[in-house]
Amino acid sequence: MRNLVVLFSRAPLLGLVKTRLAKHLGAEAARRLHQAFVLDVAARASSCFPIELHTDIETDAWPEITCPRRLQRPGDLGVRMLAALEEALARGWERVAILGADAPDLPASHILHLFDSDADVCLGPAEDGGFWGVACRRAAAGMFAAVPWSSPRTLDATVAACGNSGLSVALAPLWADVDEPADLARLASSPTLAPLGATAKLLQELHLRDSGSH
């Protein structure tokens, strides 16, 4: 089956990424963490599937990621995701998943689970009430309609919107995003964080992870 992972990311502009972390660590450290997160998610996803990097603006960041790049459509997150899903499906991919870059320790097994479902849509629930990923074999115009983004109700509202659009929905395993400073402590000791990856190295450099952590 022809499966594709689309990695959604903002360009790593100082002061515009990981703003909640920036309040604690400073804008430059937050920017570097964002860059590292994207590298690690891309590495893990590309070990299983072809990937594309979709950014909000053109950027030459992440030269290490050698994959097709596209610009996200203007609009809110739902508009941008729907466009990416519909366009990729129209290009002949049988299933398309979108991952964000908020979970650099997301296990490959979770990504695989997104594609294992027979449902039209499979969502990966996040502990904050959102979702870490979404995969589709069929999309519908209203599947993200009226979803409150960055809300404890994001996942539930998306499940309802998909159902109202005539799409069957399944859920992948739960995982945690990294949004707040407190999340970094969990991430630093996460057993699924690649020990030689960009995030682990940067956390050590920032003295947020012990060099002996595994």
N, C-alpha and C. Protein backbone atom coordinates (compact mmCIF):
# COMPACT_ATOMS: atom_id res chain seq x y z
N MET A 1 0.84 -1.19 0.00
CA MET A 1 0.00 0.00 0.00
C MET A 1 0.88 1.25 0.00
N ARG A 2 0.48 2.23 -0.78
CA ARG A 2 1.26 3.47 -0.89
C ARG A 2 0.85 4.43 0.22
N ASN A 3 1.71 4.50 1.25
CA ASN A 3 1.46 5.35 2.40
C ASN A 3 2.44 6.51 2.42
N LEU A 4 1.98 7.67 2.86
CA LEU A 4 2.81 8.87 2.93
C LEU A 4 2.63 9.53 4.29
N VAL A 5 3.74 9.98 4.87
CA VAL A 5 3.69 10.80 6.09
C VAL A 5 4.05 12.23 5.71
N VAL A 6 3.16 13.15 6.05
CA VAL A 6 3.39 14.58 5.87
C VAL A 6 3.75 15.17 7.23
N LEU A 7 4.90 15.80 7.30
CA LEU A 7 5.33 16.45 8.53
C LEU A 7 5.00 17.93 8.44
N PHE A 8 4.11 18.38 9.32
CA PHE A 8 3.70 19.78 9.37
C PHE A 8 4.61 20.53 10.34
N SER A 9 5.15 21.65 9.90
CA SER A 9 6.01 22.42 10.79
C SER A 9 6.01 23.89 10.41
N ARG A 10 6.21 24.72 11.41
CA ARG A 10 6.50 26.12 11.17
C ARG A 10 7.99 26.27 10.87
N ALA A 11 8.32 27.27 10.07
CA ALA A 11 9.73 27.61 9.88
C ALA A 11 10.31 28.05 11.23
N PRO A 12 11.56 27.71 11.50
CA PRO A 12 12.14 27.99 12.82
C PRO A 12 12.57 29.46 12.99
N LEU A 13 11.59 30.34 13.07
CA LEU A 13 11.89 31.76 13.22
C LEU A 13 11.95 32.13 14.70
N LEU A 14 12.94 32.88 15.07
CA LEU A 14 13.16 33.26 16.46
C LEU A 14 11.94 33.98 17.02
N GLY A 15 11.46 33.50 18.15
CA GLY A 15 10.33 34.13 18.81
C GLY A 15 8.97 33.70 18.33
N LEU A 16 8.92 32.86 17.28
CA LEU A 16 7.63 32.45 16.71
C LEU A 16 7.35 30.97 16.84
N VAL A 17 8.28 30.22 17.43
CA VAL A 17 8.08 28.78 17.63
C VAL A 17 8.31 28.43 19.09
N LYS A 18 7.56 27.44 19.56
CA LYS A 18 7.69 26.96 20.94
C LYS A 18 7.69 28.13 21.93
N THR A 19 6.67 28.99 21.80
CA THR A 19 6.64 30.22 22.60
C THR A 19 6.46 29.94 24.09
N ARG A 20 5.74 28.86 24.43
CA ARG A 20 5.58 28.55 25.85
C ARG A 20 6.89 28.07 26.46
N LEU A 21 7.69 27.35 25.69
CA LEU A 21 9.02 26.96 26.17
C LEU A 21 9.95 28.16 26.22
N ALA A 22 9.76 29.09 25.29
CA ALA A 22 10.63 30.27 25.23
C ALA A 22 10.53 31.11 26.48
N LYS A 23 9.35 31.15 27.11
CA LYS A 23 9.19 31.94 28.32
C LYS A 23 10.07 31.41 29.44
N HIS A 24 10.40 30.14 29.38
CA HIS A 24 11.21 29.50 30.42
C HIS A 24 12.68 29.39 30.02
N LEU A 25 12.93 29.09 28.75
CA LEU A 25 14.29 28.79 28.29
C LEU A 25 14.92 29.91 27.47
N GLY A 26 14.10 30.84 26.99
CA GLY A 26 14.59 31.85 26.06
C GLY A 26 14.25 31.48 24.63
N ALA A 27 14.13 32.50 23.78
CA ALA A 27 13.66 32.28 22.41
C ALA A 27 14.63 31.44 21.59
N GLU A 28 15.94 31.64 21.79
CA GLU A 28 16.91 30.91 20.97
C GLU A 28 16.91 29.42 21.32
N ALA A 29 16.86 29.09 22.61
CA ALA A 29 16.81 27.67 23.00
C ALA A 29 15.52 27.02 22.50
N ALA A 30 14.41 27.76 22.57
CA ALA A 30 13.14 27.23 22.08
C ALA A 30 13.19 26.99 20.57
N ARG A 31 13.82 27.90 19.85
CA ARG A 31 13.96 27.73 18.40
C ARG A 31 14.80 26.49 18.09
N ARG A 32 15.88 26.32 18.80
CA ARG A 32 16.74 25.15 18.56
C ARG A 32 16.02 23.84 18.92
N LEU A 33 15.21 23.87 19.97
CA LEU A 33 14.44 22.68 20.32
C LEU A 33 13.45 22.35 19.22
N HIS A 34 12.79 23.37 18.69
CA HIS A 34 11.86 23.15 17.58
C HIS A 34 12.57 22.49 16.40
N GLN A 35 13.73 23.00 16.06
CA GLN A 35 14.50 22.42 14.96
C GLN A 35 14.86 20.96 15.24
N ALA A 36 15.27 20.68 16.48
CA ALA A 36 15.65 19.32 16.85
C ALA A 36 14.45 18.38 16.82
N PHE A 37 13.31 18.87 17.32
CA PHE A 37 12.10 18.04 17.31
C PHE A 37 11.75 17.60 15.89
N VAL A 38 11.80 18.55 14.96
CA VAL A 38 11.46 18.23 13.58
C VAL A 38 12.43 17.19 13.01
N LEU A 39 13.71 17.35 13.29
CA LEU A 39 14.70 16.38 12.81
C LEU A 39 14.39 14.97 13.32
N ASP A 40 14.04 14.86 14.61
CA ASP A 40 13.81 13.54 15.19
C ASP A 40 12.52 12.92 14.67
N VAL A 41 11.45 13.72 14.55
CA VAL A 41 10.20 13.17 14.01
C VAL A 41 10.40 12.73 12.56
N ALA A 42 11.12 13.54 11.79
CA ALA A 42 11.38 13.19 10.39
C ALA A 42 12.20 11.91 10.29
N ALA A 43 13.20 11.76 11.15
CA ALA A 43 14.04 10.56 11.11
C ALA A 43 13.23 9.32 11.43
N ARG A 44 12.38 9.41 12.44
CA ARG A 44 11.61 8.23 12.83
C ARG A 44 10.56 7.89 11.78
N ALA A 45 9.86 8.91 11.27
CA ALA A 45 8.83 8.64 10.26
C ALA A 45 9.43 8.10 8.98
N SER A 46 10.56 8.66 8.56
CA SER A 46 11.16 8.24 7.29
C SER A 46 11.79 6.86 7.37
N SER A 47 11.97 6.35 8.59
CA SER A 47 12.46 4.97 8.72
C SER A 47 11.38 3.96 8.36
N CYS A 48 10.12 4.43 8.30
CA CYS A 48 9.00 3.54 8.00
C CYS A 48 8.31 3.85 6.68
N PHE A 49 8.26 5.13 6.32
CA PHE A 49 7.45 5.56 5.19
C PHE A 49 8.13 6.69 4.43
N PRO A 50 7.72 6.93 3.16
CA PRO A 50 8.13 8.15 2.48
C PRO A 50 7.55 9.35 3.24
N ILE A 51 8.28 10.45 3.27
CA ILE A 51 7.80 11.64 3.97
C ILE A 51 7.88 12.87 3.07
N GLU A 52 7.08 13.87 3.42
CA GLU A 52 7.18 15.21 2.85
C GLU A 52 7.19 16.19 4.01
N LEU A 53 7.89 17.30 3.83
CA LEU A 53 7.93 18.36 4.83
C LEU A 53 7.10 19.53 4.32
N HIS A 54 6.04 19.88 5.06
CA HIS A 54 5.17 20.98 4.69
C HIS A 54 5.35 22.11 5.71
N THR A 55 5.87 23.24 5.27
CA THR A 55 6.12 24.36 6.17
C THR A 55 5.17 25.52 5.88
N ASP A 56 5.06 26.42 6.87
CA ASP A 56 4.13 27.54 6.72
C ASP A 56 4.66 28.60 5.75
N ILE A 57 5.99 28.75 5.69
CA ILE A 57 6.62 29.65 4.73
C ILE A 57 7.85 28.93 4.15
N GLU A 58 8.37 29.44 3.07
CA GLU A 58 9.57 28.84 2.50
C GLU A 58 10.74 29.00 3.47
N THR A 59 11.53 27.96 3.61
CA THR A 59 12.67 27.99 4.51
C THR A 59 13.74 27.03 4.02
N ASP A 60 14.99 27.38 4.26
CA ASP A 60 16.08 26.48 3.93
C ASP A 60 16.57 25.73 5.17
N ALA A 61 15.78 25.80 6.24
CA ALA A 61 16.13 25.05 7.46
C ALA A 61 16.04 23.55 7.19
N TRP A 62 16.69 22.79 8.05
CA TRP A 62 16.71 21.33 7.97
C TRP A 62 17.24 20.80 6.64
N PRO A 63 18.42 21.24 6.22
CA PRO A 63 18.99 20.69 4.99
C PRO A 63 19.25 19.18 5.09
N GLU A 64 19.31 18.67 6.34
CA GLU A 64 19.55 17.24 6.53
C GLU A 64 18.36 16.40 6.06
N ILE A 65 17.17 17.01 6.04
CA ILE A 65 15.97 16.27 5.65
C ILE A 65 15.83 16.33 4.13
N THR A 66 16.16 15.23 3.50
CA THR A 66 16.14 15.18 2.03
C THR A 66 14.85 14.52 1.57
N CYS A 67 13.81 15.31 1.47
CA CYS A 67 12.51 14.82 1.03
C CYS A 67 11.80 15.95 0.30
N PRO A 68 10.73 15.64 -0.43
CA PRO A 68 9.97 16.72 -1.07
C PRO A 68 9.45 17.71 -0.03
N ARG A 69 9.40 18.99 -0.43
CA ARG A 69 8.88 20.04 0.45
C ARG A 69 7.73 20.75 -0.24
N ARG A 70 6.76 21.14 0.55
CA ARG A 70 5.62 21.88 0.04
C ARG A 70 5.24 22.96 1.03
N LEU A 71 4.54 23.97 0.53
CA LEU A 71 4.02 25.02 1.40
C LEU A 71 2.60 24.67 1.82
N GLN A 72 2.29 24.92 3.08
CA GLN A 72 0.94 24.73 3.56
C GLN A 72 0.02 25.80 2.95
N ARG A 73 -1.22 25.43 2.77
CA ARG A 73 -2.23 26.39 2.30
C ARG A 73 -2.49 27.43 3.39
N PRO A 74 -2.87 28.64 3.04
CA PRO A 74 -3.28 29.62 4.05
C PRO A 74 -4.56 29.17 4.76
N GLY A 75 -4.73 29.63 5.99
CA GLY A 75 -5.94 29.28 6.74
C GLY A 75 -5.61 28.70 8.09
N ASP A 76 -6.64 28.33 8.84
CA ASP A 76 -6.39 27.74 10.15
C ASP A 76 -5.87 26.31 9.97
N LEU A 77 -5.56 25.67 11.10
CA LEU A 77 -4.94 24.35 11.02
C LEU A 77 -5.82 23.35 10.28
N GLY A 78 -7.12 23.42 10.50
CA GLY A 78 -8.02 22.50 9.81
C GLY A 78 -8.00 22.68 8.31
N VAL A 79 -8.02 23.92 7.86
CA VAL A 79 -7.97 24.22 6.43
C VAL A 79 -6.67 23.69 5.83
N ARG A 80 -5.57 23.92 6.53
CA ARG A 80 -4.25 23.51 6.02
C ARG A 80 -4.12 21.98 5.97
N MET A 81 -4.61 21.31 7.01
CA MET A 81 -4.52 19.85 7.02
C MET A 81 -5.42 19.23 5.97
N LEU A 82 -6.65 19.73 5.86
CA LEU A 82 -7.55 19.18 4.85
C LEU A 82 -6.96 19.31 3.45
N ALA A 83 -6.39 20.47 3.14
CA ALA A 83 -5.79 20.68 1.82
C ALA A 83 -4.65 19.70 1.59
N ALA A 84 -3.79 19.51 2.59
CA ALA A 84 -2.66 18.60 2.44
C ALA A 84 -3.13 17.16 2.23
N LEU A 85 -4.14 16.75 3.00
CA LEU A 85 -4.65 15.38 2.87
C LEU A 85 -5.30 15.17 1.50
N GLU A 86 -6.16 16.10 1.08
CA GLU A 86 -6.84 15.95 -0.20
C GLU A 86 -5.86 15.96 -1.37
N GLU A 87 -4.88 16.83 -1.31
CA GLU A 87 -3.93 16.93 -2.42
C GLU A 87 -3.07 15.68 -2.53
N ALA A 88 -2.62 15.15 -1.38
CA ALA A 88 -1.79 13.95 -1.42
C ALA A 88 -2.59 12.73 -1.89
N LEU A 89 -3.83 12.60 -1.43
CA LEU A 89 -4.67 11.50 -1.88
C LEU A 89 -4.93 11.62 -3.39
N ALA A 90 -5.10 12.85 -3.86
CA ALA A 90 -5.33 13.08 -5.29
C ALA A 90 -4.10 12.74 -6.12
N ARG A 91 -2.92 12.81 -5.50
CA ARG A 91 -1.69 12.45 -6.21
C ARG A 91 -1.45 10.94 -6.24
N GLY A 92 -2.35 10.17 -5.65
CA GLY A 92 -2.26 8.72 -5.76
C GLY A 92 -1.83 7.98 -4.51
N TRP A 93 -1.53 8.69 -3.44
CA TRP A 93 -1.23 8.01 -2.18
C TRP A 93 -2.51 7.39 -1.64
N GLU A 94 -2.40 6.15 -1.14
CA GLU A 94 -3.60 5.46 -0.67
C GLU A 94 -3.99 5.86 0.74
N ARG A 95 -3.00 6.10 1.56
CA ARG A 95 -3.23 6.62 2.91
C ARG A 95 -2.22 7.73 3.16
N VAL A 96 -2.68 8.77 3.80
CA VAL A 96 -1.82 9.92 4.09
C VAL A 96 -1.95 10.27 5.57
N ALA A 97 -0.84 10.41 6.25
CA ALA A 97 -0.83 10.83 7.65
C ALA A 97 -0.16 12.18 7.78
N ILE A 98 -0.65 12.98 8.70
CA ILE A 98 0.00 14.24 9.06
C ILE A 98 0.48 14.13 10.50
N LEU A 99 1.75 14.42 10.69
CA LEU A 99 2.33 14.48 12.04
C LEU A 99 2.79 15.90 12.31
N GLY A 100 2.63 16.34 13.55
CA GLY A 100 3.24 17.58 13.99
C GLY A 100 4.63 17.29 14.51
N ALA A 101 5.26 18.30 15.07
CA ALA A 101 6.63 18.13 15.58
C ALA A 101 6.69 18.36 17.09
N ASP A 102 5.58 18.05 17.78
CA ASP A 102 5.52 18.28 19.22
C ASP A 102 5.85 17.03 20.04
N ALA A 103 6.15 15.93 19.38
CA ALA A 103 6.42 14.68 20.09
C ALA A 103 7.65 13.99 19.49
N PRO A 104 8.85 14.49 19.80
CA PRO A 104 10.05 13.91 19.19
C PRO A 104 10.37 12.50 19.67
N ASP A 105 9.70 12.05 20.73
CA ASP A 105 9.91 10.69 21.22
C ASP A 105 8.77 9.75 20.81
N LEU A 106 7.93 10.18 19.87
CA LEU A 106 6.83 9.35 19.41
C LEU A 106 7.37 8.04 18.84
N PRO A 107 6.92 6.90 19.37
CA PRO A 107 7.45 5.62 18.87
C PRO A 107 7.02 5.35 17.43
N ALA A 108 7.87 4.68 16.70
CA ALA A 108 7.53 4.30 15.33
C ALA A 108 6.29 3.42 15.30
N SER A 109 6.08 2.62 16.36
CA SER A 109 4.90 1.75 16.40
C SER A 109 3.61 2.55 16.40
N HIS A 110 3.64 3.76 17.00
CA HIS A 110 2.45 4.60 17.00
C HIS A 110 2.15 5.11 15.58
N ILE A 111 3.22 5.48 14.87
CA ILE A 111 3.04 5.93 13.49
C ILE A 111 2.48 4.79 12.64
N LEU A 112 3.02 3.60 12.81
CA LEU A 112 2.52 2.43 12.07
C LEU A 112 1.05 2.19 12.38
N HIS A 113 0.66 2.41 13.64
CA HIS A 113 -0.73 2.16 14.04
C HIS A 113 -1.69 3.07 13.28
N LEU A 114 -1.26 4.29 12.96
CA LEU A 114 -2.12 5.21 12.20
C LEU A 114 -2.55 4.59 10.87
N PHE A 115 -1.67 3.79 10.28
CA PHE A 115 -1.94 3.21 8.96
C PHE A 115 -2.57 1.83 9.04
N ASP A 116 -2.64 1.26 10.23
CA ASP A 116 -3.14 -0.11 10.36
C ASP A 116 -4.66 -0.19 10.40
N SER A 117 -5.31 0.92 10.71
CA SER A 117 -6.76 0.91 10.87
C SER A 117 -7.47 0.78 9.52
N ASP A 118 -8.64 0.14 9.55
CA ASP A 118 -9.48 0.07 8.36
C ASP A 118 -10.44 1.25 8.27
N ALA A 119 -10.43 2.12 9.28
CA ALA A 119 -11.32 3.27 9.29
C ALA A 119 -10.88 4.30 8.25
N ASP A 120 -11.81 5.18 7.89
CA ASP A 120 -11.46 6.26 6.97
C ASP A 120 -10.41 7.19 7.56
N VAL A 121 -10.53 7.42 8.87
CA VAL A 121 -9.65 8.34 9.58
C VAL A 121 -9.15 7.68 10.86
N CYS A 122 -7.87 7.80 11.12
CA CYS A 122 -7.32 7.33 12.39
C CYS A 122 -6.60 8.50 13.05
N LEU A 123 -6.98 8.79 14.29
CA LEU A 123 -6.41 9.90 15.05
C LEU A 123 -5.55 9.38 16.18
N GLY A 124 -4.42 10.03 16.42
CA GLY A 124 -3.56 9.70 17.53
C GLY A 124 -3.79 10.64 18.68
N PRO A 125 -4.45 10.20 19.74
CA PRO A 125 -4.81 11.11 20.83
C PRO A 125 -3.58 11.59 21.61
N ALA A 126 -3.59 12.86 21.98
CA ALA A 126 -2.56 13.44 22.83
C ALA A 126 -3.12 13.64 24.23
N GLU A 127 -2.25 13.61 25.21
CA GLU A 127 -2.70 13.68 26.60
C GLU A 127 -3.36 15.01 26.94
N ASP A 128 -3.10 16.05 26.14
CA ASP A 128 -3.69 17.37 26.44
C ASP A 128 -5.06 17.57 25.80
N GLY A 129 -5.61 16.51 25.19
CA GLY A 129 -6.92 16.62 24.59
C GLY A 129 -6.90 16.88 23.09
N GLY A 130 -5.72 17.04 22.54
CA GLY A 130 -5.57 17.20 21.10
C GLY A 130 -5.21 15.88 20.45
N PHE A 131 -4.50 15.95 19.33
CA PHE A 131 -4.04 14.70 18.71
C PHE A 131 -2.66 14.93 18.09
N TRP A 132 -1.83 13.89 18.20
CA TRP A 132 -0.44 13.99 17.73
C TRP A 132 -0.32 13.66 16.24
N GLY A 133 -1.36 13.07 15.67
CA GLY A 133 -1.31 12.72 14.25
C GLY A 133 -2.68 12.32 13.74
N VAL A 134 -2.84 12.38 12.44
CA VAL A 134 -4.08 11.96 11.80
C VAL A 134 -3.72 11.29 10.48
N ALA A 135 -4.36 10.17 10.19
CA ALA A 135 -4.17 9.48 8.91
C ALA A 135 -5.52 9.27 8.24
N CYS A 136 -5.55 9.40 6.92
CA CYS A 136 -6.80 9.26 6.17
C CYS A 136 -6.60 8.37 4.95
N ARG A 137 -7.62 7.59 4.65
CA ARG A 137 -7.69 6.97 3.33
C ARG A 137 -8.79 7.63 2.52
N ARG A 138 -9.60 8.46 3.19
CA ARG A 138 -10.65 9.24 2.55
C ARG A 138 -10.83 10.51 3.35
N ALA A 139 -10.94 11.63 2.69
CA ALA A 139 -11.13 12.92 3.37
C ALA A 139 -12.50 13.49 3.01
N ALA A 140 -12.98 14.42 3.82
CA ALA A 140 -14.26 15.07 3.56
C ALA A 140 -14.15 16.53 3.98
N ALA A 141 -14.89 17.37 3.28
CA ALA A 141 -14.74 18.82 3.45
C ALA A 141 -14.98 19.27 4.89
N GLY A 142 -15.90 18.61 5.61
CA GLY A 142 -16.23 19.08 6.96
C GLY A 142 -15.51 18.37 8.08
N MET A 143 -14.47 17.60 7.77
CA MET A 143 -13.87 16.74 8.79
C MET A 143 -13.17 17.52 9.90
N PHE A 144 -12.82 18.77 9.67
CA PHE A 144 -12.23 19.60 10.72
C PHE A 144 -13.08 20.85 11.00
N ALA A 145 -14.34 20.82 10.57
CA ALA A 145 -15.19 22.00 10.71
C ALA A 145 -15.47 22.32 12.18
N ALA A 146 -15.30 23.58 12.54
CA ALA A 146 -15.63 24.10 13.88
C ALA A 146 -14.83 23.42 15.00
N VAL A 147 -13.67 22.85 14.68
CA VAL A 147 -12.83 22.25 15.71
C VAL A 147 -12.07 23.35 16.46
N PRO A 148 -12.14 23.38 17.79
CA PRO A 148 -11.37 24.36 18.55
C PRO A 148 -9.92 23.88 18.71
N TRP A 149 -9.00 24.52 18.05
CA TRP A 149 -7.61 24.08 18.08
C TRP A 149 -6.94 24.49 19.38
N SER A 150 -5.95 23.70 19.80
CA SER A 150 -5.21 23.94 21.06
C SER A 150 -6.17 24.00 22.24
N SER A 151 -7.08 23.05 22.26
CA SER A 151 -8.11 23.00 23.30
C SER A 151 -8.20 21.58 23.86
N PRO A 152 -8.62 21.42 25.12
CA PRO A 152 -8.85 20.08 25.65
C PRO A 152 -9.95 19.32 24.89
N ARG A 153 -10.71 20.04 24.05
CA ARG A 153 -11.80 19.43 23.28
C ARG A 153 -11.42 19.15 21.84
N THR A 154 -10.17 19.41 21.47
CA THR A 154 -9.78 19.28 20.06
C THR A 154 -10.05 17.89 19.51
N LEU A 155 -9.61 16.86 20.21
CA LEU A 155 -9.79 15.49 19.71
C LEU A 155 -11.26 15.14 19.62
N ASP A 156 -12.02 15.37 20.68
CA ASP A 156 -13.43 15.01 20.69
C ASP A 156 -14.19 15.73 19.58
N ALA A 157 -13.87 17.01 19.38
CA ALA A 157 -14.56 17.78 18.34
C ALA A 157 -14.20 17.26 16.95
N THR A 158 -12.95 16.82 16.77
CA THR A 158 -12.53 16.28 15.48
C THR A 158 -13.22 14.95 15.20
N VAL A 159 -13.31 14.09 16.22
CA VAL A 159 -14.02 12.82 16.05
C VAL A 159 -15.47 13.09 15.64
N ALA A 160 -16.10 14.06 16.30
CA ALA A 160 -17.49 14.38 15.98
C ALA A 160 -17.62 14.95 14.57
N ALA A 161 -16.71 15.85 14.20
CA ALA A 161 -16.78 16.45 12.86
C ALA A 161 -16.58 15.41 11.77
N CYS A 162 -15.65 14.48 11.99
CA CYS A 162 -15.44 13.41 11.01
C CYS A 162 -16.68 12.54 10.89
N GLY A 163 -17.27 12.19 12.04
CA GLY A 163 -18.49 11.39 12.01
C GLY A 163 -19.62 12.09 11.29
N ASN A 164 -19.76 13.38 11.55
CA ASN A 164 -20.80 14.17 10.89
C ASN A 164 -20.57 14.29 9.39
N SER A 165 -19.32 14.07 8.96
CA SER A 165 -18.96 14.14 7.54
C SER A 165 -19.05 12.79 6.86
N GLY A 166 -19.53 11.78 7.59
CA GLY A 166 -19.71 10.46 7.00
C GLY A 166 -18.45 9.61 6.99
N LEU A 167 -17.45 9.99 7.81
CA LEU A 167 -16.20 9.24 7.86
C LEU A 167 -16.16 8.35 9.10
N SER A 168 -15.70 7.12 8.94
CA SER A 168 -15.47 6.26 10.10
C SER A 168 -14.16 6.64 10.76
N VAL A 169 -14.11 6.52 12.09
CA VAL A 169 -12.96 7.01 12.86
C VAL A 169 -12.44 5.93 13.80
N ALA A 170 -11.13 5.80 13.88
CA ALA A 170 -10.48 4.93 14.85
C ALA A 170 -9.42 5.74 15.58
N LEU A 171 -8.96 5.22 16.71
CA LEU A 171 -7.95 5.91 17.50
C LEU A 171 -6.69 5.06 17.63
N ALA A 172 -5.55 5.71 17.47
CA ALA A 172 -4.25 5.09 17.72
C ALA A 172 -3.92 5.24 19.21
N PRO A 173 -2.79 4.72 19.68
CA PRO A 173 -2.45 4.84 21.09
C PRO A 173 -2.19 6.29 21.51
N LEU A 174 -2.41 6.53 22.79
CA LEU A 174 -2.20 7.85 23.39
C LEU A 174 -0.70 8.18 23.47
N TRP A 175 -0.38 9.46 23.30
CA TRP A 175 0.99 9.93 23.52
C TRP A 175 0.95 11.37 24.03
N ALA A 176 2.10 11.88 24.47
CA ALA A 176 2.16 13.21 25.05
C ALA A 176 2.95 14.17 24.17
N ASP A 177 2.39 15.35 23.94
CA ASP A 177 3.10 16.41 23.25
C ASP A 177 4.05 17.11 24.23
N VAL A 178 4.98 17.87 23.67
CA VAL A 178 5.88 18.69 24.48
C VAL A 178 5.56 20.14 24.18
N ASP A 179 4.84 20.78 25.08
CA ASP A 179 4.43 22.17 24.89
C ASP A 179 4.91 23.07 26.03
N GLU A 180 4.89 22.55 27.24
CA GLU A 180 5.19 23.35 28.43
C GLU A 180 6.56 22.97 28.98
N PRO A 181 7.18 23.88 29.75
CA PRO A 181 8.48 23.57 30.35
C PRO A 181 8.47 22.26 31.15
N ALA A 182 7.37 21.98 31.85
CA ALA A 182 7.30 20.75 32.64
C ALA A 182 7.39 19.50 31.77
N ASP A 183 6.97 19.63 30.50
CA ASP A 183 7.02 18.48 29.59
C ASP A 183 8.46 18.07 29.26
N LEU A 184 9.39 19.01 29.40
CA LEU A 184 10.78 18.71 29.05
C LEU A 184 11.39 17.69 30.00
N ALA A 185 10.97 17.71 31.27
CA ALA A 185 11.51 16.74 32.22
C ALA A 185 11.10 15.32 31.83
N ARG A 186 9.83 15.16 31.44
CA ARG A 186 9.38 13.85 30.97
C ARG A 186 10.12 13.45 29.72
N LEU A 187 10.27 14.40 28.78
CA LEU A 187 10.94 14.09 27.53
C LEU A 187 12.39 13.67 27.76
N ALA A 188 13.06 14.36 28.67
CA ALA A 188 14.48 14.08 28.91
C ALA A 188 14.72 12.65 29.40
N SER A 189 13.74 12.09 30.09
CA SER A 189 13.90 10.72 30.60
C SER A 189 13.08 9.70 29.81
N SER A 190 12.52 10.12 28.68
CA SER A 190 11.68 9.22 27.89
C SER A 190 12.50 8.08 27.31
N PRO A 191 12.08 6.82 27.52
CA PRO A 191 12.83 5.69 26.98
C PRO A 191 12.75 5.58 25.47
N THR A 192 11.82 6.30 24.84
CA THR A 192 11.68 6.22 23.39
C THR A 192 12.31 7.41 22.67
N LEU A 193 12.96 8.30 23.41
CA LEU A 193 13.70 9.38 22.75
C LEU A 193 15.00 8.82 22.20
N ALA A 194 15.26 9.05 20.91
CA ALA A 194 16.49 8.52 20.30
C ALA A 194 17.71 9.06 21.04
N PRO A 195 18.51 8.20 21.66
CA PRO A 195 19.60 8.67 22.51
C PRO A 195 20.68 9.44 21.76
N LEU A 196 20.80 9.20 20.46
CA LEU A 196 21.80 9.90 19.66
C LEU A 196 21.16 10.92 18.73
N GLY A 197 19.87 11.16 18.93
CA GLY A 197 19.15 12.09 18.07
C GLY A 197 19.41 13.54 18.43
N ALA A 198 18.89 14.42 17.59
CA ALA A 198 19.13 15.86 17.76
C ALA A 198 18.56 16.39 19.06
N THR A 199 17.38 15.90 19.46
CA THR A 199 16.75 16.40 20.68
C THR A 199 17.53 16.00 21.92
N ALA A 200 17.93 14.72 22.00
CA ALA A 200 18.68 14.26 23.16
C ALA A 200 19.99 15.03 23.30
N LYS A 201 20.68 15.25 22.19
CA LYS A 201 21.94 15.98 22.24
C LYS A 201 21.73 17.41 22.71
N LEU A 202 20.67 18.06 22.22
CA LEU A 202 20.41 19.44 22.61
C LEU A 202 19.99 19.53 24.08
N LEU A 203 19.18 18.58 24.53
CA LEU A 203 18.79 18.58 25.95
C LEU A 203 20.01 18.43 26.85
N GLN A 204 20.97 17.62 26.43
CA GLN A 204 22.21 17.50 27.20
C GLN A 204 22.98 18.82 27.20
N GLU A 205 23.05 19.45 26.04
CA GLU A 205 23.76 20.72 25.93
C GLU A 205 23.12 21.79 26.81
N LEU A 206 21.80 21.75 26.91
CA LEU A 206 21.07 22.73 27.73
C LEU A 206 20.99 22.30 29.20
N HIS A 207 21.66 21.21 29.54
CA HIS A 207 21.68 20.67 30.90
C HIS A 207 20.29 20.27 31.38
N LEU A 208 19.49 19.78 30.46
CA LEU A 208 18.17 19.30 30.78
C LEU A 208 18.08 17.78 30.74
N ARG A 209 19.15 17.14 30.34
CA ARG A 209 19.20 15.68 30.25
C ARG A 209 20.59 15.23 30.63
N ASP A 210 20.67 14.23 31.47
CA ASP A 210 21.97 13.70 31.89
C ASP A 210 22.60 12.96 30.72
N SER A 211 23.91 13.10 30.59
CA SER A 211 24.61 12.47 29.46
C SER A 211 24.53 10.95 29.51
N GLY A 212 24.19 10.40 30.66
CA GLY A 212 24.08 8.94 30.78
C GLY A 212 22.67 8.42 30.58
N SER A 213 21.72 9.32 30.22
CA SER A 213 20.34 8.90 30.05
C SER A 213 20.19 8.01 28.83
N HIS A 214 19.26 7.09 28.93
CA HIS A 214 18.98 6.19 27.80
C HIS A 214 17.49 6.17 27.55
